[in-house]
């Protein structure tokens, strides 16, 4: 039976060092790719927003509270019928469709 030749003692250390160097190079390349991707995404966002026209605030009219009328309902009074779009599907849903099932939550807010 013949013996396999053993690598020189310094060769094993050199190979381990080479593996560490390759891993370090891969880490630097990955970090550079991530930074480049973020930079390109930020540049794209700037280009998109630069192409949008500025909103003309003078064309917006304030709502007139004259048409609003407060009609407080006594506790326990059923809500009047209405239809609103479902935020998940966009389909218009009436309050009557929700009665008798799970509780309905109305979230009235401003995103501005």
C-alpha atoms as a PDB file:
ATOM      1  CA  UNK A   1       0.000   0.000   0.000  1.00  0.00           C
ATOM      2  CA  UNK A   2       1.340   3.345  -0.968  1.00  0.00           C
ATOM      3  CA  UNK A   3       1.025   6.411   1.171  1.00  0.00           C
ATOM      4  CA  UNK A   4      -0.495   9.553  -0.155  1.00  0.00           C
ATOM      5  CA  UNK A   5       1.881  12.439  -0.157  1.00  0.00           C
ATOM      6  CA  UNK A   6       1.229  14.889   2.645  1.00  0.00           C
ATOM      7  CA  UNK A   7       1.023  18.571   1.799  1.00  0.00           C
ATOM      8  CA  UNK A   8       3.790  20.769   3.037  1.00  0.00           C
ATOM      9  CA  UNK A   9       3.046  22.275   6.473  1.00  0.00           C
ATOM     10  CA  UNK A  10       2.899  25.802   5.101  1.00  0.00           C
ATOM     11  CA  UNK A  11       0.520  24.836   2.301  1.00  0.00           C
ATOM     12  CA  UNK A  12      -2.335  23.968   4.674  1.00  0.00           C
ATOM     13  CA  UNK A  13      -2.052  27.358   6.375  1.00  0.00           C
ATOM     14  CA  UNK A  14      -1.855  29.065   2.997  1.00  0.00           C
ATOM     15  CA  UNK A  15      -5.031  27.304   1.831  1.00  0.00           C
ATOM     16  CA  UNK A  16      -6.886  28.284   5.015  1.00  0.00           C
ATOM     17  CA  UNK A  17      -5.723  31.869   4.605  1.00  0.00           C
ATOM     18  CA  UNK A  18      -6.846  31.819   0.982  1.00  0.00           C
ATOM     19  CA  UNK A  19     -10.318  30.642   2.050  1.00  0.00           C
ATOM     20  CA  UNK A  20     -10.573  33.508   4.516  1.00  0.00           C
ATOM     21  CA  UNK A  21      -9.489  35.954   1.829  1.00  0.00           C
ATOM     22  CA  UNK A  22     -12.126  34.607  -0.560  1.00  0.00           C
ATOM     23  CA  UNK A  23     -14.787  34.921   2.149  1.00  0.00           C
ATOM     24  CA  UNK A  24     -13.712  38.492   2.849  1.00  0.00           C
ATOM     25  CA  UNK A  25     -13.848  39.342  -0.860  1.00  0.00           C
ATOM     26  CA  UNK A  26     -17.337  37.869  -1.118  1.00  0.00           C
ATOM     27  CA  UNK A  27     -18.482  39.900   1.889  1.00  0.00           C
ATOM     28  CA  UNK A  28     -17.106  43.106   0.358  1.00  0.00           C
ATOM     29  CA  UNK A  29     -18.733  42.307  -2.999  1.00  0.00           C
ATOM     30  CA  UNK A  30     -22.069  41.656  -1.301  1.00  0.00           C
ATOM     31  CA  UNK A  31     -21.876  44.914   0.662  1.00  0.00           C
ATOM     32  CA  UNK A  32     -21.037  46.798  -2.546  1.00  0.00           C
ATOM     33  CA  UNK A  33     -23.969  45.202  -4.379  1.00  0.00           C
ATOM     34  CA  UNK A  34     -26.372  46.160  -1.572  1.00  0.00           C
ATOM     35  CA  UNK A  35     -25.057  49.742  -1.499  1.00  0.00           C
ATOM     36  CA  UNK A  36     -25.341  50.017  -5.284  1.00  0.00           C
ATOM     37  CA  UNK A  37     -28.913  48.666  -5.210  1.00  0.00           C
ATOM     38  CA  UNK A  38     -29.921  51.158  -2.509  1.00  0.00           C
ATOM     39  CA  UNK A  39     -28.314  54.001  -4.433  1.00  0.00           C
ATOM     40  CA  UNK A  40     -30.129  53.059  -7.636  1.00  0.00           C
ATOM     41  CA  UNK A  41     -33.445  52.765  -5.780  1.00  0.00           C
ATOM     42  CA  UNK A  42     -32.962  56.219  -4.230  1.00  0.00           C
ATOM     43  CA  UNK A  43     -32.042  57.677  -7.629  1.00  0.00           C
ATOM     44  CA  UNK A  44     -35.136  56.121  -9.190  1.00  0.00           C
ATOM     45  CA  UNK A  45     -37.329  57.536  -6.420  1.00  0.00           C
ATOM     46  CA  UNK A  46     -35.869  61.024  -6.981  1.00  0.00           C
ATOM     47  CA  UNK A  47     -36.478  60.764 -10.724  1.00  0.00           C
ATOM     48  CA  UNK A  48     -40.069  59.644 -10.220  1.00  0.00           C
ATOM     49  CA  UNK A  49     -40.898  62.406  -7.752  1.00  0.00           C
ATOM     50  CA  UNK A  50     -39.133  65.011  -9.905  1.00  0.00           C
ATOM     51  CA  UNK A  51     -41.433  64.160 -12.813  1.00  0.00           C
ATOM     52  CA  UNK A  52     -44.605  64.688 -10.799  1.00  0.00           C
ATOM     53  CA  UNK A  53     -46.254  68.076 -11.030  1.00  0.00           C
ATOM     54  CA  UNK A  54     -46.599  70.063  -7.825  1.00  0.00           C
ATOM     55  CA  UNK A  55     -50.185  70.026  -6.557  1.00  0.00           C
ATOM     56  CA  UNK A  56     -52.127  73.233  -7.172  1.00  0.00           C
ATOM     57  CA  UNK A  57     -53.372  74.038  -3.686  1.00  0.00           C
ATOM     58  CA  UNK A  58     -55.469  76.950  -4.917  1.00  0.00           C
ATOM     59  CA  UNK A  59     -57.833  74.569  -6.721  1.00  0.00           C
ATOM     60  CA  UNK A  60     -58.698  72.759  -3.503  1.00  0.00           C
ATOM     61  CA  UNK A  61     -61.763  74.095  -1.779  1.00  0.00           C
ATOM     62  CA  UNK A  62     -62.382  73.811   1.902  1.00  0.00           C
ATOM     63  CA  UNK A  63     -65.462  71.779   2.791  1.00  0.00           C
ATOM     64  CA  UNK A  64     -68.510  73.786   3.737  1.00  0.00           C
ATOM     65  CA  UNK A  65     -69.744  72.845   7.199  1.00  0.00           C
ATOM     66  CA  UNK A  66     -73.134  74.447   6.427  1.00  0.00           C
ATOM     67  CA  UNK A  67     -74.336  71.172   4.900  1.00  0.00           C
ATOM     68  CA  UNK A  68     -73.269  69.184   7.932  1.00  0.00           C
ATOM     69  CA  UNK A  69     -75.862  68.463  10.489  1.00  0.00           C
ATOM     70  CA  UNK A  70     -75.249  66.667  13.691  1.00  0.00           C
ATOM     71  CA  UNK A  71     -77.922  64.131  14.508  1.00  0.00           C
ATOM     72  CA  UNK A  72     -76.900  62.404  17.702  1.00  0.00           C
ATOM     73  CA  UNK A  73     -78.475  59.026  18.145  1.00  0.00           C
ATOM     74  CA  UNK A  74     -79.480  57.692  21.535  1.00  0.00           C
ATOM     75  CA  UNK A  75     -77.413  54.723  22.735  1.00  0.00           C
ATOM     76  CA  UNK A  76     -78.652  51.434  21.337  1.00  0.00           C
ATOM     77  CA  UNK A  77     -80.095  52.986  18.160  1.00  0.00           C
ATOM     78  CA  UNK A  78     -79.085  51.046  15.023  1.00  0.00           C
ATOM     79  CA  UNK A  79     -76.825  52.948  12.634  1.00  0.00           C
ATOM     80  CA  UNK A  80     -78.480  54.331   9.488  1.00  0.00           C
ATOM     81  CA  UNK A  81     -77.849  52.404   6.259  1.00  0.00           C
ATOM     82  CA  UNK A  82     -74.808  53.335   4.162  1.00  0.00           C
ATOM     83  CA  UNK A  83     -72.378  51.813   1.640  1.00  0.00           C
ATOM     84  CA  UNK A  84     -68.588  52.117   1.798  1.00  0.00           C
ATOM     85  CA  UNK A  85     -65.744  50.545  -0.210  1.00  0.00           C
ATOM     86  CA  UNK A  86     -63.966  47.582   1.373  1.00  0.00           C
ATOM     87  CA  UNK A  87     -60.270  48.527   1.657  1.00  0.00           C
ATOM     88  CA  UNK A  88     -59.182  44.957   0.915  1.00  0.00           C
ATOM     89  CA  UNK A  89     -61.246  44.345  -2.231  1.00  0.00           C
ATOM     90  CA  UNK A  90     -62.582  47.742  -3.321  1.00  0.00           C
ATOM     91  CA  UNK A  91     -66.105  46.273  -3.495  1.00  0.00           C
ATOM     92  CA  UNK A  92     -68.813  48.489  -2.033  1.00  0.00           C
ATOM     93  CA  UNK A  93     -70.243  46.954   1.127  1.00  0.00           C
ATOM     94  CA  UNK A  94     -73.439  47.969   2.846  1.00  0.00           C
ATOM     95  CA  UNK A  95     -73.891  47.990   6.579  1.00  0.00           C
ATOM     96  CA  UNK A  96     -76.765  45.524   6.212  1.00  0.00           C
ATOM     97  CA  UNK A  97     -74.349  42.919   4.791  1.00  0.00           C
ATOM     98  CA  UNK A  98     -72.344  43.108   8.033  1.00  0.00           C
ATOM     99  CA  UNK A  99     -75.249  42.792  10.463  1.00  0.00           C
ATOM    100  CA  UNK A 100     -75.419  39.551  12.405  1.00  0.00           C
ATOM    101  CA  UNK A 101     -71.862  38.519  11.558  1.00  0.00           C
ATOM    102  CA  UNK A 102     -68.550  39.566  12.996  1.00  0.00           C
ATOM    103  CA  UNK A 103     -68.272  43.045  14.511  1.00  0.00           C
ATOM    104  CA  UNK A 104     -67.733  45.802  11.938  1.00  0.00           C
ATOM    105  CA  UNK A 105     -65.108  48.486  12.627  1.00  0.00           C
ATOM    106  CA  UNK A 106     -65.246  51.843  10.872  1.00  0.00           C
ATOM    107  CA  UNK A 107     -61.927  53.636  10.781  1.00  0.00           C
ATOM    108  CA  UNK A 108     -62.373  57.258   9.787  1.00  0.00           C
ATOM    109  CA  UNK A 109     -59.077  59.069   9.489  1.00  0.00           C
ATOM    110  CA  UNK A 110     -56.948  61.310   7.320  1.00  0.00           C
ATOM    111  CA  UNK A 111     -53.779  60.152   5.605  1.00  0.00           C
ATOM    112  CA  UNK A 112     -52.595  63.725   5.028  1.00  0.00           C
END
